[in-house]
């Protein structure tokens, strides 16, 4: 099942994001290599600076998605003000349906 991770950064935490980014990218690369990451990228503020994350992952259930999200280096670094995890159905432009 697919889950959307909608993460909002804490205000004033851009440097935490920048400092943690290499570990976060390595984490996403590992998820991608095992097929669990479908897509991901940052939300941007009015100045074009990252201030959150949208990622879609595949997990067995909501508990597994939550456990996976908790291992993200950004989450471990305390970057996020909030994380919403929602089941998601990829209907349009899903490469699996091509």
C-alpha atoms as a PDB file:
ATOM      1  CA  UNK A   1       0.000   0.000   0.000  1.00  0.00           C
ATOM      2  CA  UNK A   2       1.172   3.523  -0.747  1.00  0.00           C
ATOM      3  CA  UNK A   3       1.409   6.242   1.882  1.00  0.00           C
ATOM      4  CA  UNK A   4       1.977   9.966   1.437  1.00  0.00           C
ATOM      5  CA  UNK A   5       4.255  11.539   4.038  1.00  0.00           C
ATOM      6  CA  UNK A   6       3.463  15.241   4.323  1.00  0.00           C
ATOM      7  CA  UNK A   7       6.069  16.857   6.542  1.00  0.00           C
ATOM      8  CA  UNK A   8       6.252  20.491   7.631  1.00  0.00           C
ATOM      9  CA  UNK A   9       9.564  21.873   8.899  1.00  0.00           C
ATOM     10  CA  UNK A  10       9.797  23.759  12.171  1.00  0.00           C
ATOM     11  CA  UNK A  11      10.169  27.500  11.578  1.00  0.00           C
ATOM     12  CA  UNK A  12      13.796  28.638  11.598  1.00  0.00           C
ATOM     13  CA  UNK A  13      15.188  25.141  11.017  1.00  0.00           C
ATOM     14  CA  UNK A  14      16.589  25.529   7.502  1.00  0.00           C
ATOM     15  CA  UNK A  15      20.138  24.968   8.749  1.00  0.00           C
ATOM     16  CA  UNK A  16      19.077  21.670  10.372  1.00  0.00           C
ATOM     17  CA  UNK A  17      17.699  20.625   6.987  1.00  0.00           C
ATOM     18  CA  UNK A  18      20.868  21.630   5.166  1.00  0.00           C
ATOM     19  CA  UNK A  19      23.160  19.952   7.700  1.00  0.00           C
ATOM     20  CA  UNK A  20      21.153  16.714   7.675  1.00  0.00           C
ATOM     21  CA  UNK A  21      20.501  16.587   3.929  1.00  0.00           C
ATOM     22  CA  UNK A  22      23.359  14.187   2.994  1.00  0.00           C
ATOM     23  CA  UNK A  23      22.079  11.580   5.469  1.00  0.00           C
ATOM     24  CA  UNK A  24      18.482  12.156   4.337  1.00  0.00           C
ATOM     25  CA  UNK A  25      19.457  11.670   0.673  1.00  0.00           C
ATOM     26  CA  UNK A  26      21.325   8.465   1.550  1.00  0.00           C
ATOM     27  CA  UNK A  27      18.218   7.256   3.409  1.00  0.00           C
ATOM     28  CA  UNK A  28      16.027   7.975   0.368  1.00  0.00           C
ATOM     29  CA  UNK A  29      18.525   6.317  -1.967  1.00  0.00           C
ATOM     30  CA  UNK A  30      18.379   3.168   0.183  1.00  0.00           C
ATOM     31  CA  UNK A  31      14.558   3.200   0.128  1.00  0.00           C
ATOM     32  CA  UNK A  32      14.654   3.721  -3.621  1.00  0.00           C
ATOM     33  CA  UNK A  33      17.085   0.826  -4.129  1.00  0.00           C
ATOM     34  CA  UNK A  34      14.708  -1.569  -2.405  1.00  0.00           C
ATOM     35  CA  UNK A  35      11.657  -0.198  -4.240  1.00  0.00           C
ATOM     36  CA  UNK A  36       9.932   1.387  -1.236  1.00  0.00           C
ATOM     37  CA  UNK A  37      10.289   5.009  -2.401  1.00  0.00           C
ATOM     38  CA  UNK A  38       7.938   6.042  -5.192  1.00  0.00           C
ATOM     39  CA  UNK A  39       8.848   9.755  -5.262  1.00  0.00           C
ATOM     40  CA  UNK A  40       9.946  12.538  -2.947  1.00  0.00           C
ATOM     41  CA  UNK A  41      10.894  16.187  -2.864  1.00  0.00           C
ATOM     42  CA  UNK A  42      10.773  19.333  -0.762  1.00  0.00           C
ATOM     43  CA  UNK A  43       7.986  21.854  -0.412  1.00  0.00           C
ATOM     44  CA  UNK A  44       9.231  25.401  -1.001  1.00  0.00           C
ATOM     45  CA  UNK A  45       8.450  28.630   0.821  1.00  0.00           C
ATOM     46  CA  UNK A  46       7.737  31.984  -0.866  1.00  0.00           C
ATOM     47  CA  UNK A  47      11.502  32.556  -1.252  1.00  0.00           C
ATOM     48  CA  UNK A  48      12.032  29.178  -2.932  1.00  0.00           C
ATOM     49  CA  UNK A  49      13.737  27.655   0.113  1.00  0.00           C
ATOM     50  CA  UNK A  50      12.735  24.167   1.305  1.00  0.00           C
ATOM     51  CA  UNK A  51      10.341  24.118   4.246  1.00  0.00           C
ATOM     52  CA  UNK A  52       8.864  20.628   4.199  1.00  0.00           C
ATOM     53  CA  UNK A  53       8.802  17.278   2.452  1.00  0.00           C
ATOM     54  CA  UNK A  54       6.401  15.261   0.354  1.00  0.00           C
ATOM     55  CA  UNK A  55       7.321  11.609  -0.054  1.00  0.00           C
ATOM     56  CA  UNK A  56       5.288   8.642  -1.207  1.00  0.00           C
ATOM     57  CA  UNK A  57       6.431   5.281   0.091  1.00  0.00           C
ATOM     58  CA  UNK A  58       5.217   1.710  -0.125  1.00  0.00           C
ATOM     59  CA  UNK A  59       4.644  -0.032   3.191  1.00  0.00           C
ATOM     60  CA  UNK A  60       2.644  -3.021   4.425  1.00  0.00           C
ATOM     61  CA  UNK A  61       0.360  -0.882   6.594  1.00  0.00           C
ATOM     62  CA  UNK A  62       0.097   2.433   8.422  1.00  0.00           C
ATOM     63  CA  UNK A  63       2.203   1.207  11.342  1.00  0.00           C
ATOM     64  CA  UNK A  64       5.021   0.207   8.978  1.00  0.00           C
ATOM     65  CA  UNK A  65       4.802   3.572   7.199  1.00  0.00           C
ATOM     66  CA  UNK A  66       5.005   5.360  10.566  1.00  0.00           C
ATOM     67  CA  UNK A  67       7.992   3.261  11.625  1.00  0.00           C
ATOM     68  CA  UNK A  68       9.771   3.993   8.351  1.00  0.00           C
ATOM     69  CA  UNK A  69       9.057   7.725   8.598  1.00  0.00           C
ATOM     70  CA  UNK A  70      10.521   7.772  12.108  1.00  0.00           C
ATOM     71  CA  UNK A  71      13.866   6.496  10.772  1.00  0.00           C
ATOM     72  CA  UNK A  72      14.302   9.419   8.347  1.00  0.00           C
ATOM     73  CA  UNK A  73      17.369  11.411   9.426  1.00  0.00           C
ATOM     74  CA  UNK A  74      15.296  14.610   9.165  1.00  0.00           C
ATOM     75  CA  UNK A  75      12.811  13.185  11.681  1.00  0.00           C
ATOM     76  CA  UNK A  76      15.628  12.031  13.964  1.00  0.00           C
ATOM     77  CA  UNK A  77      17.200  15.510  13.808  1.00  0.00           C
ATOM     78  CA  UNK A  78      13.948  17.098  14.991  1.00  0.00           C
ATOM     79  CA  UNK A  79      13.398  19.023  11.745  1.00  0.00           C
ATOM     80  CA  UNK A  80       9.680  18.436  11.417  1.00  0.00           C
ATOM     81  CA  UNK A  81       6.966  20.424  13.152  1.00  0.00           C
ATOM     82  CA  UNK A  82       4.386  17.941  11.903  1.00  0.00           C
ATOM     83  CA  UNK A  83       4.189  14.715   9.918  1.00  0.00           C
ATOM     84  CA  UNK A  84       0.926  13.539   8.401  1.00  0.00           C
ATOM     85  CA  UNK A  85       0.842  10.020   6.965  1.00  0.00           C
ATOM     86  CA  UNK A  86      -2.065   9.211   4.683  1.00  0.00           C
ATOM     87  CA  UNK A  87      -2.890   6.136   2.568  1.00  0.00           C
ATOM     88  CA  UNK A  88      -2.697   7.189  -1.076  1.00  0.00           C
ATOM     89  CA  UNK A  89      -3.920   5.778  -4.382  1.00  0.00           C
ATOM     90  CA  UNK A  90      -1.694   6.679  -7.355  1.00  0.00           C
ATOM     91  CA  UNK A  91      -4.174   6.885 -10.221  1.00  0.00           C
ATOM     92  CA  UNK A  92      -2.753   9.206 -12.906  1.00  0.00           C
ATOM     93  CA  UNK A  93       0.734   8.874 -14.405  1.00  0.00           C
ATOM     94  CA  UNK A  94       1.619   5.873 -12.286  1.00  0.00           C
ATOM     95  CA  UNK A  95       4.504   4.149 -14.123  1.00  0.00           C
ATOM     96  CA  UNK A  96       3.322   0.793 -12.800  1.00  0.00           C
ATOM     97  CA  UNK A  97       0.183   1.197 -14.908  1.00  0.00           C
ATOM     98  CA  UNK A  98       1.965   2.237 -18.115  1.00  0.00           C
END
